[in-house]
Amino acid sequence: MADKHAVVRTDLMSGTDDRSRLVSIKYLGADGKTPTAIDNGNILKVGDLVEGEREVYVGAAPEASTALKDIVLVASPEVLYDEHKKNLDDFVNEAGTICRGYRLHQHDGFSVTAGALDGEPAVGETVNIDAGTKMKVGGTGTKIGTIKEVATAGRYTYYYIVID
């Protein structure tokens, strides 16, 4: 059974200990104006500050040529308000909410389930930026990193990616 939403672990992300590597971001869809839901484990291009906000940035779907320094990994705390939802893959960053983004830094590592990836993940495959919020396995866009390990934890299969 496929997961409902992608799941992320911030295994070795510098933002875990250094809060200056975190970004508050609001995904405003393809047009940059429409609040849109997004799964954890997806990526966003950091834009300008949201009008009227001091520290919240506009998040947009990146293009294949987007520089790595302009990308964040969406990894908000999974707080489930619906008592019927109990699993990590029940969580989605709702449209209009402010998400937590981790800036990508060389040698950092994170894990995602297959729902955050476009393509067939396997150890040794590269993960790249593509046109969209999912990371592309293979492809020709800006390189994010390499899948170093596949691990199962509970009911989830995670792909551990090290940023190059």
Protein backbone atom coordinates (compact mmCIF):
# COMPACT_ATOMS: atom_id res chain seq x y z
CA MET A 1 0.00 0.00 0.00
CA ALA A 2 1.39 3.40 -1.00
CA ASP A 3 1.79 6.11 1.61
CA LYS A 4 -0.84 8.85 1.58
CA HIS A 5 1.76 11.62 1.87
CA ALA A 6 5.55 11.70 1.78
CA VAL A 7 7.44 11.40 5.07
CA VAL A 8 10.79 13.01 5.90
CA ARG A 9 13.51 12.53 8.52
CA THR A 10 16.08 15.27 9.10
CA ASP A 11 18.79 12.76 10.02
CA LEU A 12 21.89 14.90 9.62
CA MET A 13 20.62 18.32 8.58
CA SER A 14 22.56 21.31 9.88
CA GLY A 15 19.25 23.12 10.54
CA THR A 16 18.54 20.63 13.32
CA ASP A 17 21.18 22.29 15.53
CA ASP A 18 21.73 25.62 13.76
CA ARG A 19 18.44 27.50 13.50
CA SER A 20 19.95 30.00 11.06
CA ARG A 21 19.73 27.17 8.47
CA LEU A 22 15.91 27.10 8.81
CA VAL A 23 13.44 29.12 6.75
CA SER A 24 9.77 29.84 7.39
CA ILE A 25 8.09 29.44 4.02
CA LYS A 26 4.59 29.48 2.59
CA TYR A 27 3.95 27.54 -0.63
CA LEU A 28 1.99 29.77 -2.96
CA GLY A 29 1.62 27.35 -5.88
CA ALA A 30 2.70 27.64 -9.48
CA ASP A 31 1.34 31.17 -9.90
CA GLY A 32 3.02 32.48 -6.74
CA LYS A 33 -0.32 33.69 -5.38
CA THR A 34 -2.47 30.66 -4.55
CA PRO A 35 -1.87 29.01 -1.15
CA THR A 36 -1.26 25.32 -1.87
CA ALA A 37 -0.78 22.21 0.29
CA ILE A 38 2.60 20.47 0.16
CA ASP A 39 4.02 17.24 1.59
CA ASN A 40 7.02 17.10 3.88
CA GLY A 41 10.08 15.87 1.99
CA ASN A 42 9.34 18.03 -1.04
CA ILE A 43 11.50 20.98 -2.07
CA LEU A 44 10.71 24.63 -2.64
CA LYS A 45 12.51 27.57 -4.19
CA VAL A 46 12.82 30.42 -1.70
CA GLY A 47 11.45 33.68 -3.06
CA ASP A 48 10.84 37.12 -1.60
CA LEU A 49 9.28 37.81 1.77
CA VAL A 50 5.52 37.35 1.95
CA GLU A 51 3.94 40.80 1.93
CA GLY A 52 3.36 41.98 5.50
CA GLU A 53 5.57 39.27 7.02
CA ARG A 54 8.97 39.79 8.60
CA GLU A 55 10.44 36.28 8.29
CA VAL A 56 8.11 34.24 6.07
CA TYR A 57 9.21 33.69 2.49
CA VAL A 58 7.24 32.81 -0.63
CA GLY A 59 7.86 29.22 -1.69
CA ALA A 60 7.59 28.26 -5.34
CA ALA A 61 8.11 25.09 -7.34
CA PRO A 62 11.73 25.10 -8.50
CA GLU A 63 12.88 24.78 -12.08
CA ALA A 64 15.55 22.29 -13.14
CA SER A 65 18.14 25.10 -13.30
CA THR A 66 17.41 26.49 -9.81
CA ALA A 67 20.60 26.86 -7.78
CA LEU A 68 20.95 24.59 -4.74
CA LYS A 69 21.44 27.63 -2.48
CA ASP A 70 17.88 28.77 -3.33
CA ILE A 71 16.24 25.46 -2.35
CA VAL A 72 14.81 24.27 0.97
CA LEU A 73 13.63 20.84 2.07
CA VAL A 74 10.11 21.05 3.54
CA ALA A 75 10.15 19.36 6.95
CA SER A 76 7.52 20.74 9.31
CA PRO A 77 6.76 19.04 12.64
CA GLU A 78 3.97 16.49 12.08
CA VAL A 79 1.19 17.78 14.32
CA LEU A 80 -2.06 15.94 13.59
CA TYR A 81 -5.15 17.72 14.87
CA ASP A 82 -7.63 15.12 13.60
CA GLU A 83 -7.86 12.34 16.19
CA HIS A 84 -8.57 9.81 13.42
CA LYS A 85 -5.19 10.44 11.82
CA LYS A 86 -2.31 8.80 13.63
CA ASN A 87 0.40 8.00 11.08
CA LEU A 88 3.20 10.19 9.73
CA ASP A 89 1.89 9.74 6.19
CA ASP A 90 -1.43 11.30 7.26
CA PHE A 91 0.35 14.65 7.65
CA VAL A 92 0.36 17.34 4.97
CA ASN A 93 1.25 21.02 5.22
CA GLU A 94 -2.19 22.50 4.58
CA ALA A 95 -2.71 25.29 2.05
CA GLY A 96 -1.91 28.67 3.56
CA THR A 97 0.12 27.37 6.51
CA ILE A 98 3.69 28.36 7.20
CA CYS A 99 6.08 25.44 6.70
CA ARG A 100 9.56 24.76 8.05
CA GLY A 101 12.24 24.62 5.38
CA TYR A 102 15.80 23.34 5.81
CA ARG A 103 18.48 24.98 3.68
CA LEU A 104 20.55 22.37 1.87
CA HIS A 105 24.19 22.28 2.93
CA GLN A 106 26.99 20.13 1.56
CA HIS A 107 27.44 16.84 3.46
CA ASP A 108 24.04 17.12 5.21
CA GLY A 109 21.83 14.06 5.00
CA PHE A 110 18.10 13.44 5.13
CA SER A 111 15.70 10.59 4.44
CA VAL A 112 12.43 10.62 2.51
CA THR A 113 9.85 8.06 1.51
CA ALA A 114 9.24 7.39 -2.18
CA GLY A 115 6.33 9.87 -2.25
CA ALA A 116 8.85 12.75 -2.23
CA LEU A 117 10.70 11.37 -5.24
CA ASP A 118 9.89 11.29 -8.94
CA GLY A 119 11.37 8.13 -10.41
CA GLU A 120 12.65 4.79 -9.14
CA PRO A 121 14.94 5.36 -6.14
CA ALA A 122 17.90 3.04 -5.57
CA VAL A 123 21.26 3.21 -3.82
CA GLY A 124 23.79 5.09 -5.96
CA GLU A 125 21.19 7.08 -7.92
CA THR A 126 21.51 10.85 -8.01
CA VAL A 127 18.67 13.09 -6.91
CA ASN A 128 18.18 16.32 -8.81
CA ILE A 129 16.01 19.41 -8.94
CA ASP A 130 13.35 19.16 -11.63
CA ALA A 131 10.41 21.34 -12.61
CA GLY A 132 8.19 20.70 -9.59
CA THR A 133 8.33 20.16 -5.86
CA LYS A 134 9.35 16.49 -5.97
CA MET A 135 13.02 15.59 -6.26
CA LYS A 136 13.87 13.81 -9.51
CA VAL A 137 15.78 10.52 -9.38
CA GLY A 138 18.31 10.84 -12.17
CA GLY A 139 17.54 13.61 -14.61
CA THR A 140 19.58 16.56 -15.77
CA GLY A 141 18.63 19.37 -13.36
CA THR A 142 20.80 20.79 -10.60
CA LYS A 143 22.15 17.96 -8.47
CA ILE A 144 20.99 17.74 -4.86
CA GLY A 145 22.77 14.58 -3.77
CA THR A 146 23.06 10.81 -3.93
CA ILE A 147 20.97 8.05 -2.40
CA LYS A 148 23.35 6.30 -0.01
CA GLU A 149 21.06 3.86 1.79
CA VAL A 150 17.60 2.32 1.82
CA ALA A 151 16.26 1.64 5.30
CA THR A 152 13.00 0.42 6.76
CA ALA A 153 11.76 1.91 10.01
CA GLY A 154 8.39 0.66 11.14
CA ARG A 155 6.03 0.74 8.18
CA TYR A 156 8.09 3.20 6.10
CA THR A 157 10.90 2.68 3.63
CA TYR A 158 13.28 5.63 3.65
CA TYR A 159 15.85 6.69 1.08
CA TYR A 160 18.82 8.37 2.74
CA ILE A 161 20.21 11.21 0.60
CA VAL A 162 23.55 12.91 1.19
CA ILE A 163 23.89 16.39 -0.28
CA ASP A 164 26.89 16.71 -2.59
